[in-house]
Protein backbone atom coordinates (compact mmCIF):
# COMPACT_ATOMS: atom_id res chain seq x y z
CA UNK A 1 -37.69 140.47 267.96
CA UNK A 2 -38.57 136.86 267.94
CA UNK A 3 -38.13 136.48 264.46
CA UNK A 4 -34.51 138.51 265.51
CA UNK A 5 -33.52 135.96 268.43
CA UNK A 6 -34.56 133.02 265.93
CA UNK A 7 -31.41 134.58 263.84
CA UNK A 8 -29.34 135.33 266.41
CA UNK A 9 -29.30 131.72 267.37
CA UNK A 10 -28.38 130.33 263.98
CA UNK A 11 -26.40 127.01 264.09
CA UNK A 12 -22.73 126.92 263.49
CA UNK A 13 -21.96 125.50 260.13
CA UNK A 14 -19.36 122.66 260.22
CA UNK A 15 -18.08 120.00 257.72
CA UNK A 16 -15.55 117.83 257.36
CA UNK A 17 -12.55 118.58 254.77
CA UNK A 18 -11.43 115.85 252.79
CA UNK A 19 -7.48 115.42 252.84
CA UNK A 20 -6.86 116.42 249.41
CA UNK A 21 -8.19 120.14 250.41
CA UNK A 22 -4.52 122.30 251.48
CA UNK A 23 -5.34 124.87 254.16
CA UNK A 24 -5.89 128.08 251.30
CA UNK A 25 -8.64 125.80 250.28
CA UNK A 26 -10.21 125.36 253.49
CA UNK A 27 -10.07 129.31 254.40
CA UNK A 28 -11.76 130.00 251.10
CA UNK A 29 -14.85 127.87 252.10
CA UNK A 30 -15.29 129.10 255.64
CA UNK A 31 -14.67 132.98 254.89
CA UNK A 32 -17.02 132.71 252.51
CA UNK A 33 -19.78 130.31 254.31
CA UNK A 34 -19.46 132.74 257.17
CA UNK A 35 -20.17 135.70 254.90
CA UNK A 36 -23.28 133.92 253.08
CA UNK A 37 -24.43 132.99 256.86
CA UNK A 38 -23.80 136.94 257.62
CA UNK A 39 -25.59 138.33 254.41
CA UNK A 40 -28.92 135.64 255.10
CA UNK A 41 -29.08 136.51 258.53
CA UNK A 42 -28.77 140.32 258.03
CA UNK A 43 -31.53 140.41 255.16
CA UNK A 44 -34.03 138.29 256.97
CA UNK A 45 -33.59 140.67 260.15
CA UNK A 46 -33.38 143.87 258.60
CA UNK A 47 -34.65 144.08 254.95
CA UNK A 48 -37.78 146.41 255.09
CA UNK A 49 -40.57 143.79 253.71
CA UNK A 50 -41.43 140.49 256.01
CA UNK A 51 -38.99 137.81 253.68
CA UNK A 52 -39.49 134.12 253.63
CA UNK A 53 -36.53 132.28 254.79
CA UNK A 54 -37.09 129.32 252.92
CA UNK A 55 -37.75 130.90 249.37
CA UNK A 56 -34.88 133.11 249.80
CA UNK A 57 -32.55 130.37 250.82
CA UNK A 58 -33.73 128.42 247.45
CA UNK A 59 -33.31 131.25 245.63
CA UNK A 60 -29.95 132.10 246.22
CA UNK A 61 -29.06 128.14 245.91
CA UNK A 62 -30.80 128.09 242.40
CA UNK A 63 -28.43 130.97 241.58
CA UNK A 64 -25.29 129.49 242.93
CA UNK A 65 -25.76 126.51 241.02
CA UNK A 66 -27.35 127.98 237.58
CA UNK A 67 -23.81 129.57 237.90
CA UNK A 68 -22.49 126.01 237.24
CA UNK A 69 -24.35 124.94 235.02
CA UNK A 70 -28.03 123.86 233.83
CA UNK A 71 -27.51 120.33 235.21
CA UNK A 72 -26.37 121.15 238.77
CA UNK A 73 -29.67 121.42 240.69
CA UNK A 74 -31.17 121.34 244.35
CA UNK A 75 -33.63 119.06 244.87
CA UNK A 76 -36.03 120.31 247.81
CA UNK A 77 -38.45 117.58 249.54
CA UNK A 78 -41.22 118.62 247.48
CA UNK A 79 -39.67 117.59 244.66
CA UNK A 80 -37.97 114.23 245.68
CA UNK A 81 -41.25 112.41 244.26
CA UNK A 82 -40.40 113.85 240.97
CA UNK A 83 -37.03 112.91 240.73
CA UNK A 84 -38.01 109.12 241.68
CA UNK A 85 -40.09 109.33 238.56
CA UNK A 86 -37.83 110.59 236.50
CA UNK A 87 -35.56 107.76 237.10
CA UNK A 88 -37.62 104.71 237.33
CA UNK A 89 -40.88 106.44 235.06
CA UNK A 90 -43.05 104.73 237.73
CA UNK A 91 -45.68 107.00 239.70
CA UNK A 92 -49.39 106.59 241.25
CA UNK A 93 -51.58 108.08 239.47
CA UNK A 94 -54.44 107.88 236.50
CA UNK A 95 -52.23 107.25 233.05
CA UNK A 96 -53.23 110.49 230.79
CA UNK A 97 -51.30 113.38 229.51
CA UNK A 98 -53.17 116.67 229.75
CA UNK A 99 -52.61 120.25 229.11
CA UNK A 100 -53.79 123.71 229.50
CA UNK A 101 -56.59 124.79 227.13
CA UNK A 102 -58.26 128.27 227.86
CA UNK A 103 -59.39 128.51 231.85
CA UNK A 104 -59.30 124.54 232.31
CA UNK A 105 -56.89 121.78 231.88
CA UNK A 106 -57.54 119.08 229.60
CA UNK A 107 -56.98 115.19 228.58
CA UNK A 108 -54.55 115.17 225.90
CA UNK A 109 -54.28 111.59 225.38
CA UNK A 110 -54.86 108.83 228.20
CA UNK A 111 -52.63 105.67 227.82
CA UNK A 112 -53.94 102.56 226.83
CA UNK A 113 -55.29 100.25 229.57
CA UNK A 114 -54.43 102.14 232.34
CA UNK A 115 -57.01 104.03 235.19
CA UNK A 116 -58.24 107.11 232.93
CA UNK A 117 -58.98 104.90 229.72
CA UNK A 118 -60.50 102.36 231.63
CA UNK A 119 -62.73 104.64 233.36
CA UNK A 120 -63.81 106.12 230.25
CA UNK A 121 -62.15 109.19 230.00
CA UNK A 122 -61.50 110.70 226.60
CA UNK A 123 -58.85 112.76 224.91
CA UNK A 124 -60.61 116.13 224.65
CA UNK A 125 -62.39 115.85 228.13
CA UNK A 126 -62.15 119.25 230.34
CA UNK A 127 -61.59 118.75 233.96
CA UNK A 128 -63.78 120.75 235.46
CA UNK A 129 -63.39 119.51 239.12
CA UNK A 130 -61.45 116.86 241.44
CA UNK A 131 -62.83 115.77 244.23
CA UNK A 132 -65.46 118.63 244.26
CA UNK A 133 -62.51 121.31 244.05
CA UNK A 134 -62.84 123.74 241.07
CA UNK A 135 -59.85 123.53 238.85
CA UNK A 136 -61.06 126.77 236.84
CA UNK A 137 -57.27 128.93 236.43
CA UNK A 138 -55.30 126.03 237.75
CA UNK A 139 -51.89 125.16 236.29
CA UNK A 140 -51.08 121.95 234.16
CA UNK A 141 -48.56 121.37 237.04
CA UNK A 142 -51.20 121.65 239.93
CA UNK A 143 -53.81 119.61 238.46
CA UNK A 144 -50.91 116.73 237.70
CA UNK A 145 -50.26 117.16 241.41
CA UNK A 146 -53.97 116.37 242.34
CA UNK A 147 -54.09 113.30 240.22
CA UNK A 148 -51.49 111.96 241.52
CA UNK A 149 -51.43 109.98 244.71
CA UNK A 150 -51.56 106.48 246.44
CA UNK A 151 -52.20 103.39 244.03
CA UNK A 152 -55.64 101.69 244.94
CA UNK A 153 -56.97 104.93 246.23
CA UNK A 154 -60.18 106.41 244.49
CA UNK A 155 -60.47 110.04 242.84
CA UNK A 156 -63.96 111.70 241.23
CA UNK A 157 -63.04 113.69 238.29
CA UNK A 158 -65.83 115.82 236.66
CA UNK A 159 -65.33 116.17 233.13
CA UNK A 160 -67.06 118.23 230.42
CA UNK A 161 -67.18 116.37 227.03
CA UNK A 162 -66.26 118.06 223.81
CA UNK A 163 -69.24 119.41 222.03
CA UNK A 164 -71.56 118.33 224.33
CA UNK A 165 -73.85 119.70 226.49
CA UNK A 166 -72.98 117.28 229.86
CA UNK A 167 -70.72 117.03 232.39
CA UNK A 168 -70.02 113.47 233.24
CA UNK A 169 -68.41 112.16 237.19
CA UNK A 170 -66.06 109.66 236.54
CA UNK A 171 -64.68 107.47 239.72
CA UNK A 172 -61.15 106.58 238.57
CA UNK A 173 -58.94 104.32 240.90
CA UNK A 174 -55.13 105.11 240.72
CA UNK A 175 -52.88 102.50 239.79
CA UNK A 176 -49.17 102.49 239.49
CA UNK A 177 -48.19 103.58 236.14
CA UNK A 178 -44.98 102.53 234.94
CA UNK A 179 -44.41 104.60 231.55
CA UNK A 180 -42.84 102.15 229.15
CA UNK A 181 -39.19 102.97 228.14
CA UNK A 182 -40.21 101.08 224.67
CA UNK A 183 -43.56 101.86 223.75
CA UNK A 184 -43.28 100.62 220.47
CA UNK A 185 -41.22 97.43 218.43
CA UNK A 186 -42.30 95.51 215.45
CA UNK A 187 -40.85 94.49 211.88
CA UNK A 188 -40.61 97.21 209.44
CA UNK A 189 -40.97 94.61 206.62
CA UNK A 190 -40.22 90.75 206.56
CA UNK A 191 -36.59 91.29 207.86
CA UNK A 192 -35.92 94.39 209.47
CA UNK A 193 -36.96 95.01 213.31
CA UNK A 194 -37.51 98.42 214.99
CA UNK A 195 -37.40 99.23 218.30
CA UNK A 196 -38.45 103.02 220.23
CA UNK A 197 -36.70 103.97 223.14
CA UNK A 198 -37.78 106.99 224.66
CA UNK A 199 -35.80 106.90 227.68
CA UNK A 200 -33.35 105.48 230.25
CA UNK A 201 -34.92 104.47 233.27
CA UNK A 202 -34.18 101.09 235.42
CA UNK A 203 -35.83 99.16 233.24
CA UNK A 204 -34.81 100.52 229.91
CA UNK A 205 -32.36 97.60 229.30
CA UNK A 206 -34.84 95.14 230.29
CA UNK A 207 -37.48 96.04 227.65
CA UNK A 208 -35.33 96.70 224.85
CA UNK A 209 -33.70 93.10 225.14
CA UNK A 210 -37.40 91.71 225.74
CA UNK A 211 -38.22 93.44 222.57
CA UNK A 212 -35.18 92.12 220.84
CA UNK A 213 -35.60 88.76 222.07
CA UNK A 214 -39.14 88.38 220.97
CA UNK A 215 -38.27 89.87 217.75
CA UNK A 216 -36.05 87.18 216.87
CA UNK A 217 -38.00 84.58 218.12
CA UNK A 218 -40.79 85.30 216.16
CA UNK A 219 -40.05 86.70 212.84
CA UNK A 220 -36.81 86.09 210.40
CA UNK A 221 -35.25 88.93 212.11
CA UNK A 222 -31.69 89.86 209.88
CA UNK A 223 -31.12 93.42 211.18
CA UNK A 224 -32.63 95.90 213.38
CA UNK A 225 -32.88 99.99 213.47
CA UNK A 226 -33.19 101.05 217.02
CA UNK A 227 -34.82 104.67 217.38
CA UNK A 228 -33.18 107.03 219.91
CA UNK A 229 -35.02 110.02 218.76
CA UNK A 230 -36.06 112.71 221.12
CA UNK A 231 -34.89 110.24 223.74
CA UNK A 232 -32.87 113.03 226.28
CA UNK A 233 -30.84 110.27 228.43
CA UNK A 234 -31.46 108.63 231.88
CA UNK A 235 -29.05 105.92 233.60
CA UNK A 236 -26.05 105.78 232.10
CA UNK A 237 -25.57 101.93 233.58
CA UNK A 238 -28.44 101.17 231.49
CA UNK A 239 -26.92 102.60 228.42
CA UNK A 240 -23.97 100.69 228.89
CA UNK A 241 -26.22 97.43 228.95
CA UNK A 242 -27.57 98.30 225.57
CA UNK A 243 -24.41 98.95 223.92
CA UNK A 244 -23.19 95.02 225.46
CA UNK A 245 -26.15 93.35 223.90
CA UNK A 246 -24.26 93.88 220.44
CA UNK A 247 -21.07 93.78 221.53
CA UNK A 248 -18.08 91.23 223.04
CA UNK A 249 -18.08 91.33 226.60
CA UNK A 250 -14.74 93.41 228.53
CA UNK A 251 -15.04 95.96 226.02
CA UNK A 252 -14.71 99.54 227.02
CA UNK A 253 -18.17 101.90 226.22
CA UNK A 254 -18.06 104.87 228.10
CA UNK A 255 -14.92 106.49 230.81
CA UNK A 256 -15.94 109.04 233.28
CA UNK A 257 -13.54 111.60 234.23
CA UNK A 258 -13.70 114.17 237.37
CA UNK A 259 -11.94 116.52 239.39
CA UNK A 260 -11.80 113.62 242.34
CA UNK A 261 -10.13 110.23 241.61
CA UNK A 262 -12.95 108.66 243.18
CA UNK A 263 -15.64 109.75 240.33
CA UNK A 264 -13.66 108.05 237.59
CA UNK A 265 -14.10 104.85 236.14
CA UNK A 266 -14.36 102.94 233.32
CA UNK A 267 -17.69 101.13 232.03
CA UNK A 268 -16.82 97.96 230.31
CA UNK A 269 -19.60 95.44 228.95
CA UNK A 270 -20.05 92.67 231.71
CA UNK A 271 -21.76 89.96 229.75
CA UNK A 272 -22.09 87.62 226.84
CA UNK A 273 -23.68 90.06 224.30
CA UNK A 274 -27.08 88.84 222.38
CA UNK A 275 -26.02 89.76 218.93
CA UNK A 276 -22.62 90.98 217.52
CA UNK A 277 -22.91 90.22 214.03
CA UNK A 278 -26.62 91.39 213.04
CA UNK A 279 -26.21 94.39 210.80
CA UNK A 280 -27.57 97.83 213.30
CA UNK A 281 -28.74 100.85 212.67
CA UNK A 282 -29.35 103.72 215.41
CA UNK A 283 -31.54 106.56 214.47
CA UNK A 284 -30.60 109.99 216.51
CA UNK A 285 -31.32 113.68 216.15
CA UNK A 286 -31.53 116.84 218.44
CA UNK A 287 -33.15 115.47 220.92
CA UNK A 288 -31.05 112.98 221.68
CA UNK A 289 -28.88 113.21 224.50
CA UNK A 290 -26.64 112.18 227.38
CA UNK A 291 -27.53 108.40 227.58
CA UNK A 292 -28.43 108.52 224.17
CA UNK A 293 -24.93 109.74 223.04
CA UNK A 294 -23.44 107.03 225.02
CA UNK A 295 -25.27 104.13 223.03
CA UNK A 296 -24.60 105.82 219.43
CA UNK A 297 -21.00 107.35 220.33
CA UNK A 298 -20.27 104.10 221.90
CA UNK A 299 -21.61 101.83 218.64
CA UNK A 300 -20.15 104.04 216.18
CA UNK A 301 -16.91 104.11 217.96
CA UNK A 302 -17.00 100.46 217.90
CA UNK A 303 -18.46 100.34 214.63
CA UNK A 304 -20.88 98.18 214.95
CA UNK A 305 -23.66 100.42 213.75
CA UNK A 306 -24.60 102.99 211.33
CA UNK A 307 -25.68 106.14 213.03
CA UNK A 308 -28.70 107.78 211.04
CA UNK A 309 -30.22 111.01 211.79
CA UNK A 310 -29.21 114.72 212.85
CA UNK A 311 -26.48 115.44 214.80
CA UNK A 312 -27.28 115.08 218.55
CA UNK A 313 -27.68 117.50 221.22
CA UNK A 314 -24.17 117.05 222.91
CA UNK A 315 -24.68 116.76 226.31
CA UNK A 316 -21.08 114.78 227.89
CA UNK A 317 -21.82 115.69 231.57
CA UNK A 318 -22.43 113.04 234.29
CA UNK A 319 -24.97 113.83 237.43
CA UNK A 320 -24.79 112.18 240.53
CA UNK A 321 -27.81 112.26 243.13
CA UNK A 322 -26.37 113.13 246.87
CA UNK A 323 -28.98 113.03 249.85
CA UNK A 324 -28.80 115.62 252.84
CA UNK A 325 -30.35 116.39 255.07
CA UNK A 326 -34.22 117.26 255.94
CA UNK A 327 -35.06 114.86 252.78
CA UNK A 328 -33.33 117.02 250.19
CA UNK A 329 -31.00 116.06 247.82
CA UNK A 330 -28.55 118.07 245.01
CA UNK A 331 -28.07 116.55 241.67
CA UNK A 332 -24.80 117.46 240.88
CA UNK A 333 -22.41 117.47 238.10
CA UNK A 334 -18.98 115.02 239.22
CA UNK A 335 -17.76 114.21 235.83
CA UNK A 336 -17.16 114.25 231.80
CA UNK A 337 -17.77 111.19 229.82
CA UNK A 338 -15.71 110.22 226.95
CA UNK A 339 -16.34 107.44 224.39
CA UNK A 340 -14.37 104.49 223.18
CA UNK A 341 -12.25 106.75 220.58
CA UNK A 342 -11.71 108.91 223.61
CA UNK A 343 -13.89 112.06 222.89
CA UNK A 344 -15.89 114.39 224.78
CA UNK A 345 -18.89 114.85 222.84
CA UNK A 346 -20.17 118.06 225.22
CA UNK A 347 -21.31 120.83 222.94
CA UNK A 348 -21.23 124.04 225.39
CA UNK A 349 -18.58 125.23 227.41
CA UNK A 350 -20.57 127.08 230.64
CA UNK A 351 -17.28 128.48 232.01
CA UNK A 352 -17.56 130.66 229.12
CA UNK A 353 -21.14 132.41 228.42
CA UNK A 354 -22.86 134.66 226.34
CA UNK A 355 -24.47 138.12 226.93
CA UNK A 356 -27.79 136.11 227.78
CA UNK A 357 -26.06 133.57 230.29
CA UNK A 358 -25.87 130.70 228.35
CA UNK A 359 -22.75 128.47 227.53
CA UNK A 360 -20.88 128.81 224.11
CA UNK A 361 -20.14 126.33 221.46
CA UNK A 362 -16.83 124.97 222.10
CA UNK A 363 -14.40 127.39 219.49
CA UNK A 364 -13.71 125.33 216.20
CA UNK A 365 -10.03 126.02 216.89
CA UNK A 366 -10.52 123.21 219.98
CA UNK A 367 -12.39 120.65 218.28
CA UNK A 368 -10.26 117.52 218.06
CA UNK A 369 -10.28 114.67 215.88
CA UNK A 370 -10.55 110.75 217.02
CA UNK A 371 -10.31 107.53 215.14
CA UNK A 372 -13.20 104.97 215.38
CA UNK A 373 -11.95 100.84 215.52
CA UNK A 374 -11.71 100.88 211.78
CA UNK A 375 -10.34 103.93 212.33
CA UNK A 376 -12.91 106.41 211.03
CA UNK A 377 -12.68 110.32 211.86
CA UNK A 378 -14.87 111.14 214.51
CA UNK A 379 -14.80 114.29 216.24
CA UNK A 380 -15.42 116.08 219.66
CA UNK A 381 -17.56 118.58 221.15
CA UNK A 382 -20.34 118.60 218.70
CA UNK A 383 -22.69 115.71 219.88
CA UNK A 384 -22.51 112.59 217.57
CA UNK A 385 -22.28 112.92 214.20
CA UNK A 386 -24.22 110.86 212.10
CA UNK A 387 -22.94 108.66 209.54
CA UNK A 388 -25.79 109.06 207.54
CA UNK A 389 -27.64 112.94 207.22
CA UNK A 390 -30.99 113.31 207.33
CA UNK A 391 -32.41 117.25 206.54
CA UNK A 392 -33.91 118.36 209.42
CA UNK A 393 -37.90 118.65 208.63
CA UNK A 394 -39.24 122.24 208.79
CA UNK A 395 -43.07 122.88 209.22
CA UNK A 396 -44.76 126.37 207.42
CA UNK A 397 -45.85 128.78 210.10
CA UNK A 398 -49.36 128.06 209.32
CA UNK A 399 -48.80 124.27 210.56
CA UNK A 400 -47.25 125.13 213.84
CA UNK A 401 -49.93 127.81 214.47
CA UNK A 402 -52.59 124.89 213.43
CA UNK A 403 -51.10 123.05 216.16
CA UNK A 404 -50.16 126.03 219.09
CA UNK A 405 -53.94 127.23 218.91
CA UNK A 406 -55.46 123.35 219.12
CA UNK A 407 -56.82 123.60 215.81
CA UNK A 408 -55.69 120.11 214.79
CA UNK A 409 -56.13 118.72 218.39
CA UNK A 410 -59.58 119.38 218.63
CA UNK A 411 -60.87 119.06 214.85
CA UNK A 412 -59.12 115.26 215.87
CA UNK A 413 -61.48 115.00 218.80
CA UNK A 414 -64.55 116.34 216.63
CA UNK A 415 -63.82 113.57 213.83
CA UNK A 416 -63.69 110.93 216.73
CA UNK A 417 -67.06 111.89 218.09
CA UNK A 418 -68.27 111.42 214.54
CA UNK A 419 -66.66 108.48 213.14
CA UNK A 420 -67.21 105.42 215.30
CA UNK A 421 -63.72 103.26 214.03
CA UNK A 422 -60.82 104.05 211.30
CA UNK A 423 -58.61 101.74 209.58
CA UNK A 424 -55.32 100.20 211.31
CA UNK A 425 -52.72 102.99 211.79
CA UNK A 426 -50.41 101.77 209.16
CA UNK A 427 -53.23 101.45 206.69
CA UNK A 428 -55.13 104.70 207.64
CA UNK A 429 -55.11 107.39 205.12
CA UNK A 430 -56.61 110.71 205.82
CA UNK A 431 -59.40 110.87 202.99
CA UNK A 432 -59.53 114.86 200.80
CA UNK A 433 -63.23 115.16 202.23
CA UNK A 434 -61.64 115.10 205.73
CA UNK A 435 -59.01 117.29 204.75
CA UNK A 436 -61.54 119.82 203.37
CA UNK A 437 -63.46 119.48 206.28
CA UNK A 438 -60.65 120.52 208.14
CA UNK A 439 -60.06 123.68 206.21
CA UNK A 440 -63.37 124.94 206.78
CA UNK A 441 -63.16 124.26 210.18
CA UNK A 442 -59.58 126.59 210.42
CA UNK A 443 -61.32 129.19 207.95
CA UNK A 444 -64.17 129.60 210.27
CA UNK A 445 -62.24 130.60 213.33
CA UNK A 446 -60.43 133.87 213.61
CA UNK A 447 -56.68 133.69 214.20
CA UNK A 448 -53.32 135.40 212.78
CA UNK A 449 -49.76 133.98 211.80
CA UNK A 450 -46.84 135.39 210.52
CA UNK A 451 -43.93 133.99 208.13
CA UNK A 452 -40.26 134.93 207.74
CA UNK A 453 -40.81 135.85 204.44
CA UNK A 454 -43.43 138.80 205.76
CA UNK A 455 -41.81 139.96 208.44
CA UNK A 456 -38.50 139.83 206.29
CA UNK A 457 -40.47 142.14 203.59
CA UNK A 458 -41.59 144.59 206.24
CA UNK A 459 -38.08 144.92 207.75
CA UNK A 460 -36.72 145.64 204.11
CA UNK A 461 -39.58 148.18 203.62
CA UNK A 462 -38.16 150.53 207.14
CA UNK A 463 -34.57 150.05 205.78
CA UNK A 464 -35.60 151.21 202.41
CA UNK A 465 -37.32 154.30 204.31
CA UNK A 466 -34.36 155.08 206.31
CA UNK A 467 -32.16 154.98 203.23
CA UNK A 468 -34.43 156.65 200.88
CA UNK A 469 -35.22 154.38 198.41
CA UNK A 470 -38.99 152.98 198.99
CA UNK A 471 -40.17 155.91 196.96
CA UNK A 472 -37.88 154.58 194.18
CA UNK A 473 -39.41 150.94 194.06
CA UNK A 474 -42.49 151.01 196.14
CA UNK A 475 -44.58 149.52 193.47
CA UNK A 476 -42.24 146.34 193.24
CA UNK A 477 -42.08 146.09 197.50
CA UNK A 478 -45.62 146.74 198.04
CA UNK A 479 -46.52 143.84 195.23
CA UNK A 480 -43.82 141.57 196.76
CA UNK A 481 -45.43 141.79 199.89
CA UNK A 482 -48.90 141.62 199.26
CA UNK A 483 -47.91 138.25 197.39
CA UNK A 484 -45.83 137.25 200.54
CA UNK A 485 -48.54 138.11 203.06
CA UNK A 486 -50.21 135.10 205.09
CA UNK A 487 -53.28 133.93 203.39
CA UNK A 488 -54.97 130.95 205.24
CA UNK A 489 -56.92 129.79 202.14
CA UNK A 490 -53.91 129.95 199.73
CA UNK A 491 -51.23 128.08 202.65
CA UNK A 492 -53.94 125.44 203.93
CA UNK A 493 -53.53 124.11 199.96
CA UNK A 494 -49.50 124.84 199.78
CA UNK A 495 -48.97 123.03 202.80
CA UNK A 496 -51.67 120.81 202.63
CA UNK A 497 -49.28 117.23 202.64
CA UNK A 498 -47.60 118.27 206.23
CA UNK A 499 -50.78 119.41 207.62
CA UNK A 500 -52.22 116.47 206.61
CA UNK A 501 -49.70 114.48 208.29
CA UNK A 502 -49.95 116.45 211.59
CA UNK A 503 -53.47 115.66 211.34
CA UNK A 504 -53.44 111.79 210.47
CA UNK A 505 -50.94 111.58 213.85
CA UNK A 506 -53.77 113.24 216.18
CA UNK A 507 -56.70 111.31 214.65
CA UNK A 508 -54.72 108.09 214.85
CA UNK A 509 -53.94 108.75 218.31
CA UNK A 510 -57.88 108.90 219.24
CA UNK A 511 -58.45 105.52 218.33
CA UNK A 512 -55.11 103.98 219.10
CA UNK A 513 -53.18 105.74 221.48
CA UNK A 514 -49.26 106.16 222.02
CA UNK A 515 -48.63 102.95 219.54
CA UNK A 516 -50.98 104.01 217.00
CA UNK A 517 -49.02 107.76 217.02
CA UNK A 518 -45.48 105.58 216.27
CA UNK A 519 -47.28 103.20 213.73
CA UNK A 520 -48.62 106.03 211.43
CA UNK A 521 -45.31 108.30 211.99
CA UNK A 522 -43.38 105.27 210.60
CA UNK A 523 -45.20 104.96 207.46
CA UNK A 524 -43.90 107.77 205.47
CA UNK A 525 -40.24 108.40 207.86
CA UNK A 526 -37.22 109.73 205.68
CA UNK A 527 -35.03 108.09 208.80
CA UNK A 528 -36.97 104.66 208.32
CA UNK A 529 -36.73 105.20 204.83
CA UNK A 530 -32.91 105.59 204.57
CA UNK A 531 -32.55 103.10 207.09
CA UNK A 532 -34.55 100.17 205.16
CA UNK A 533 -31.87 101.27 202.41
CA UNK A 534 -28.89 100.78 204.05
CA UNK A 535 -29.97 97.98 205.60
CA UNK A 536 -31.03 96.42 202.50
CA UNK A 537 -27.55 96.28 200.60
CA UNK A 538 -25.12 94.64 202.63
CA UNK A 539 -21.91 96.24 200.70
CA UNK A 540 -23.19 99.72 201.15
CA UNK A 541 -23.64 98.78 204.84
CA UNK A 542 -20.03 97.71 205.19
CA UNK A 543 -18.65 100.71 203.55
CA UNK A 544 -20.32 103.16 205.87
CA UNK A 545 -18.56 101.41 208.64
CA UNK A 546 -15.12 101.62 207.34
CA UNK A 547 -12.56 104.79 206.89
């Protein structure tokens, strides 16, 4: 009865209707709010089992917003802090990456010179307890919440060290953890600089600007590579600021167009540039999205940089946060953005969904072509196409399984405790002895993996049996099946180079952390090799920017 009385006294929903809404729109909104209110009330009062009103409402809100696009989201009070971290790259915690391994969470990588590393926590440490609370069967998100907290507060972490029959208790003092937007910058050779930008937080342009100035001041800087691979975006203003470093004041970088006139806005460069002449390469891939595409698309349309890599993600939508009652927020898509040539690079149409509920790619017949400042043809609806394409690197089924099963991670941890030091990241070479040790490490493990070839052969066998041909070609098919069947020892030799690359990356991170990962990755990076090639040939660089 009490529950019924609560719902019978529901607050009357009221809202202001803006002048542009006509009477029919007002009626439809009011009618549907009334219906929703009645459904919500009756389900909570009469449903056969006890309901959770808060969860029920959130489910309804989430389903409603998901029908629009994946980026319009309701943010309850409990998730507000997560949004602040995304926008600022800053939180109170211990500064370490974690992941699930078995029944417990392990530290996968402590950040250099942050609380976890200062307290002596290592990659591979299994977290048993936090402040006396057992973490068995806890999820990564649950443990992450326990590790976060107010800067200056202490936390006691009980860990079990890899391959050691001992448990260590570490007292860690939380700090304000600012995740750098620029984890690494350096010279690739005597004249070419490199800046890696991983996110567009509120300090992204400041960090890029400082890195660029230091490279100019300390070196014979004549060209630059800006790496936006895997950068999923962030704040639009930061993207505009970074473009401004390389183009004149007063130039249009991006334009927003929405249903409401108040959301239509043109973003132009506002400051004097840092350098309008330095040859510039921007690296992108399928993980480069949103603000990364504003930077790469803007510099491409203005013929200010050569874009190298793979087709970008294709997110041409702009979101804005709106504060609501009870310390909640909604992130809502308010506009599409258009690069200087006038194109919108949005790839998926969420008003046209496939059977799985995902947006379909915009039809080829609707793709339009635009022209850059110099007259080069560029297209909309497909993300940013690179000027020079790099073939996507594909890892073997075995290599992927070695990562998924944590064999590479565990061997790197074991290697660390058996070797006090290794060479500098840019000089380190994984020896044949180490690789042979890894092979034996893997061959001692009991696991299986599937290849596309073996799955295809199995499908062929089923098809030939159905069609009555199997008996005629059984010998040939069975021989082919045997040759294509997964074979650990054979494949460890066949795919040695790509496995060594993954293993080298993980081992180096044990000694040199994130900066080490970046440095060792750049050594044989085809993106970097192509960048140095084009930047080392001025005529070829100029040719790429002409129609």
